[in-house]
N, C-alpha and C. Protein backbone atom coordinates (compact mmCIF):
# COMPACT_ATOMS: atom_id res chain seq x y z
N MET A 1 -1.97 2.56 -10.09
CA MET A 1 -2.34 3.20 -11.33
C MET A 1 -1.72 2.40 -12.47
N LYS A 2 -2.53 2.05 -13.41
CA LYS A 2 -2.08 1.20 -14.51
C LYS A 2 -0.93 1.83 -15.31
N ILE A 3 -0.98 3.13 -15.51
CA ILE A 3 0.07 3.77 -16.30
C ILE A 3 1.44 3.61 -15.64
N ILE A 4 1.48 3.62 -14.33
CA ILE A 4 2.75 3.42 -13.61
C ILE A 4 3.29 2.03 -13.89
N ASP A 5 2.41 1.03 -13.80
CA ASP A 5 2.82 -0.35 -14.09
C ASP A 5 3.30 -0.48 -15.53
N ASP A 6 2.58 0.13 -16.45
CA ASP A 6 2.96 0.06 -17.87
C ASP A 6 4.32 0.72 -18.13
N LEU A 7 4.51 1.93 -17.59
CA LEU A 7 5.78 2.63 -17.78
C LEU A 7 6.94 1.85 -17.14
N TYR A 8 6.70 1.30 -15.97
CA TYR A 8 7.74 0.52 -15.29
C TYR A 8 8.13 -0.69 -16.14
N GLU A 9 7.15 -1.43 -16.62
CA GLU A 9 7.44 -2.61 -17.42
C GLU A 9 8.17 -2.24 -18.71
N LEU A 10 7.80 -1.14 -19.31
CA LEU A 10 8.40 -0.71 -20.57
C LEU A 10 9.85 -0.28 -20.40
N TYR A 11 10.17 0.39 -19.28
CA TYR A 11 11.49 1.00 -19.12
C TYR A 11 12.37 0.39 -18.04
N ARG A 12 11.91 -0.62 -17.33
CA ARG A 12 12.69 -1.13 -16.20
C ARG A 12 14.06 -1.69 -16.59
N ASN A 13 14.19 -2.19 -17.78
CA ASN A 13 15.49 -2.72 -18.23
C ASN A 13 16.27 -1.71 -19.06
N LYS A 14 15.69 -0.53 -19.27
CA LYS A 14 16.35 0.48 -20.10
C LYS A 14 16.90 1.64 -19.28
N LEU A 15 16.39 1.83 -18.07
CA LEU A 15 16.82 2.94 -17.23
C LEU A 15 17.39 2.41 -15.92
N THR A 16 18.16 3.26 -15.26
CA THR A 16 18.76 2.84 -13.99
C THR A 16 17.79 2.94 -12.82
N GLY A 17 16.76 3.75 -12.97
CA GLY A 17 15.81 3.92 -11.88
C GLY A 17 16.21 4.99 -10.89
N ASP A 18 17.30 5.73 -11.20
CA ASP A 18 17.68 6.81 -10.29
C ASP A 18 16.73 7.99 -10.50
N GLU A 19 16.82 8.96 -9.61
CA GLU A 19 15.89 10.09 -9.63
C GLU A 19 15.91 10.84 -10.96
N GLU A 20 17.08 10.98 -11.53
CA GLU A 20 17.20 11.71 -12.81
C GLU A 20 16.46 10.98 -13.93
N ASP A 21 16.64 9.67 -14.02
CA ASP A 21 15.94 8.88 -15.04
C ASP A 21 14.43 8.96 -14.86
N ILE A 22 13.99 8.85 -13.62
CA ILE A 22 12.56 8.88 -13.34
C ILE A 22 11.98 10.25 -13.69
N ASP A 23 12.70 11.32 -13.35
CA ASP A 23 12.24 12.66 -13.72
C ASP A 23 12.12 12.79 -15.24
N LEU A 24 13.13 12.35 -15.96
CA LEU A 24 13.08 12.44 -17.43
C LEU A 24 11.92 11.65 -18.02
N LEU A 25 11.71 10.45 -17.50
CA LEU A 25 10.62 9.62 -17.97
C LEU A 25 9.27 10.28 -17.69
N ALA A 26 9.10 10.80 -16.49
CA ALA A 26 7.84 11.45 -16.12
C ALA A 26 7.59 12.68 -16.98
N PHE A 27 8.61 13.51 -17.14
CA PHE A 27 8.44 14.72 -17.95
C PHE A 27 8.17 14.39 -19.41
N ALA A 28 8.84 13.40 -19.94
CA ALA A 28 8.60 12.99 -21.33
C ALA A 28 7.17 12.48 -21.50
N PHE A 29 6.71 11.71 -20.55
CA PHE A 29 5.34 11.21 -20.59
C PHE A 29 4.34 12.37 -20.54
N LEU A 30 4.55 13.29 -19.62
CA LEU A 30 3.62 14.41 -19.46
C LEU A 30 3.60 15.34 -20.66
N GLU A 31 4.74 15.49 -21.33
CA GLU A 31 4.79 16.34 -22.52
C GLU A 31 3.90 15.80 -23.63
N GLU A 32 3.68 14.50 -23.64
CA GLU A 32 2.86 13.88 -24.67
C GLU A 32 1.37 13.89 -24.32
N MET A 33 1.04 14.24 -23.10
CA MET A 33 -0.34 14.19 -22.63
C MET A 33 -1.02 15.55 -22.83
N THR A 34 -2.29 15.50 -23.17
CA THR A 34 -3.08 16.72 -23.21
C THR A 34 -3.81 16.87 -21.88
N ARG A 35 -4.40 18.03 -21.68
CA ARG A 35 -5.20 18.25 -20.47
C ARG A 35 -6.33 17.21 -20.40
N GLU A 36 -6.95 16.94 -21.51
CA GLU A 36 -8.04 15.96 -21.55
C GLU A 36 -7.54 14.56 -21.19
N ASP A 37 -6.34 14.21 -21.68
CA ASP A 37 -5.75 12.91 -21.33
C ASP A 37 -5.56 12.80 -19.82
N LEU A 38 -5.04 13.87 -19.22
CA LEU A 38 -4.78 13.86 -17.78
C LEU A 38 -6.08 13.79 -16.98
N ILE A 39 -7.08 14.52 -17.41
CA ILE A 39 -8.37 14.48 -16.71
C ILE A 39 -8.97 13.08 -16.80
N LYS A 40 -8.87 12.46 -17.95
CA LYS A 40 -9.36 11.09 -18.12
C LYS A 40 -8.63 10.14 -17.18
N MET A 41 -7.31 10.30 -17.07
CA MET A 41 -6.54 9.46 -16.15
C MET A 41 -7.02 9.64 -14.72
N ILE A 42 -7.26 10.88 -14.33
CA ILE A 42 -7.72 11.17 -12.96
C ILE A 42 -9.10 10.57 -12.73
N GLN A 43 -9.97 10.66 -13.71
CA GLN A 43 -11.31 10.09 -13.57
C GLN A 43 -11.27 8.58 -13.41
N ASP A 44 -10.26 7.95 -13.97
CA ASP A 44 -10.14 6.49 -13.91
C ASP A 44 -9.50 5.99 -12.61
N LEU A 45 -8.98 6.90 -11.79
CA LEU A 45 -8.34 6.49 -10.53
C LEU A 45 -9.39 6.00 -9.53
N ASN A 46 -8.98 5.01 -8.74
CA ASN A 46 -9.86 4.63 -7.64
C ASN A 46 -9.64 5.63 -6.50
N ASP A 47 -10.43 5.55 -5.47
CA ASP A 47 -10.36 6.54 -4.38
C ASP A 47 -8.97 6.61 -3.75
N GLN A 48 -8.36 5.46 -3.48
CA GLN A 48 -7.04 5.46 -2.84
C GLN A 48 -5.98 6.09 -3.73
N GLU A 49 -6.01 5.79 -5.03
CA GLU A 49 -5.06 6.39 -5.96
C GLU A 49 -5.23 7.90 -6.02
N LEU A 50 -6.47 8.37 -6.01
CA LEU A 50 -6.73 9.81 -6.04
C LEU A 50 -6.20 10.48 -4.77
N TYR A 51 -6.45 9.87 -3.61
CA TYR A 51 -5.93 10.42 -2.35
C TYR A 51 -4.40 10.44 -2.37
N ASN A 52 -3.78 9.38 -2.87
CA ASN A 52 -2.32 9.33 -2.95
C ASN A 52 -1.79 10.44 -3.86
N LEU A 53 -2.41 10.61 -5.02
CA LEU A 53 -1.98 11.63 -5.97
C LEU A 53 -2.07 13.03 -5.37
N VAL A 54 -3.22 13.34 -4.79
CA VAL A 54 -3.40 14.66 -4.20
C VAL A 54 -2.50 14.82 -2.98
N GLY A 55 -2.33 13.77 -2.21
CA GLY A 55 -1.46 13.82 -1.03
C GLY A 55 -0.02 14.13 -1.40
N ILE A 56 0.50 13.46 -2.41
CA ILE A 56 1.88 13.71 -2.85
C ILE A 56 2.01 15.13 -3.37
N TYR A 57 1.02 15.60 -4.13
CA TYR A 57 1.05 16.97 -4.63
C TYR A 57 1.08 17.96 -3.47
N LEU A 58 0.23 17.76 -2.47
CA LEU A 58 0.19 18.65 -1.31
C LEU A 58 1.52 18.66 -0.57
N ILE A 59 2.06 17.48 -0.32
CA ILE A 59 3.32 17.37 0.42
C ILE A 59 4.45 18.07 -0.32
N GLU A 60 4.61 17.79 -1.60
CA GLU A 60 5.69 18.39 -2.37
C GLU A 60 5.52 19.90 -2.52
N SER A 61 4.28 20.35 -2.71
CA SER A 61 4.02 21.78 -2.83
C SER A 61 4.32 22.51 -1.52
N LEU A 62 3.91 21.92 -0.41
CA LEU A 62 4.19 22.54 0.89
C LEU A 62 5.69 22.56 1.19
N LYS A 63 6.39 21.50 0.84
CA LYS A 63 7.86 21.49 1.01
C LYS A 63 8.48 22.66 0.24
N GLY A 64 8.03 22.85 -0.98
CA GLY A 64 8.55 23.94 -1.79
C GLY A 64 8.24 25.30 -1.21
N LYS A 65 7.02 25.48 -0.71
CA LYS A 65 6.63 26.76 -0.10
C LYS A 65 7.47 27.07 1.13
N PHE A 66 7.62 26.08 2.01
CA PHE A 66 8.41 26.29 3.22
C PHE A 66 9.87 26.56 2.87
N ALA A 67 10.39 25.88 1.85
CA ALA A 67 11.78 26.12 1.44
C ALA A 67 11.92 27.54 0.90
N GLN A 68 10.94 28.01 0.15
CA GLN A 68 10.98 29.38 -0.39
C GLN A 68 10.98 30.41 0.73
N GLU A 69 10.26 30.14 1.77
CA GLU A 69 10.15 31.09 2.87
C GLU A 69 11.27 30.92 3.89
N GLU A 70 12.20 30.01 3.60
CA GLU A 70 13.37 29.75 4.43
C GLU A 70 13.03 29.31 5.84
N TYR A 71 11.94 28.55 5.96
CA TYR A 71 11.62 27.92 7.23
C TYR A 71 12.54 26.73 7.42
N GLY A 72 12.79 26.36 8.66
CA GLY A 72 13.63 25.20 8.94
C GLY A 72 15.04 25.39 8.44
N GLN A 73 15.64 26.53 8.73
CA GLN A 73 16.97 26.85 8.20
C GLN A 73 18.04 25.84 8.61
N GLY A 74 17.81 25.11 9.68
CA GLY A 74 18.79 24.12 10.12
C GLY A 74 18.73 22.83 9.33
N ARG A 75 17.66 22.67 8.54
CA ARG A 75 17.50 21.45 7.75
C ARG A 75 17.88 21.72 6.30
N ALA A 76 18.08 20.64 5.57
CA ALA A 76 18.38 20.77 4.14
C ALA A 76 17.18 21.39 3.44
N SER A 77 17.44 22.35 2.61
CA SER A 77 16.39 23.06 1.92
C SER A 77 15.91 22.26 0.71
N TYR A 78 14.62 22.17 0.56
CA TYR A 78 14.03 21.51 -0.60
C TYR A 78 13.41 22.59 -1.47
N ASN A 79 14.01 22.84 -2.60
CA ASN A 79 13.49 23.88 -3.48
C ASN A 79 13.55 23.42 -4.93
N LYS A 80 13.03 22.26 -5.20
CA LYS A 80 13.07 21.71 -6.54
C LYS A 80 11.76 22.04 -7.24
N GLN A 81 11.73 23.17 -7.90
CA GLN A 81 10.54 23.61 -8.62
C GLN A 81 10.45 22.85 -9.93
N ARG A 82 9.29 22.28 -10.19
CA ARG A 82 9.08 21.56 -11.43
C ARG A 82 7.89 22.18 -12.15
N HIS A 83 8.13 22.63 -13.34
CA HIS A 83 7.06 23.22 -14.14
C HIS A 83 6.83 22.32 -15.33
N LEU A 84 5.62 21.82 -15.42
CA LEU A 84 5.27 20.93 -16.52
C LEU A 84 4.47 21.69 -17.55
N HIS A 85 4.86 21.54 -18.77
CA HIS A 85 4.22 22.19 -19.92
C HIS A 85 4.59 23.61 -19.96
């Protein structure tokens, strides 16, 4: 996805690249986007990028659901809820 390459090039020497920096960068980017901007970005994705995007969303959402329901109590719980906008 071109926006990933652009953001990386813009901030690679300004941020450490740790999870906290990446979260802040992503949230700041999304706060500036409108619904129409996001739909346009999705329309511009190729098939593989779209599958990757939806796949990551599914995986992270399912992790959150299972963590909420306390499945896998022997494993580390993943309950990082992220609300955008």
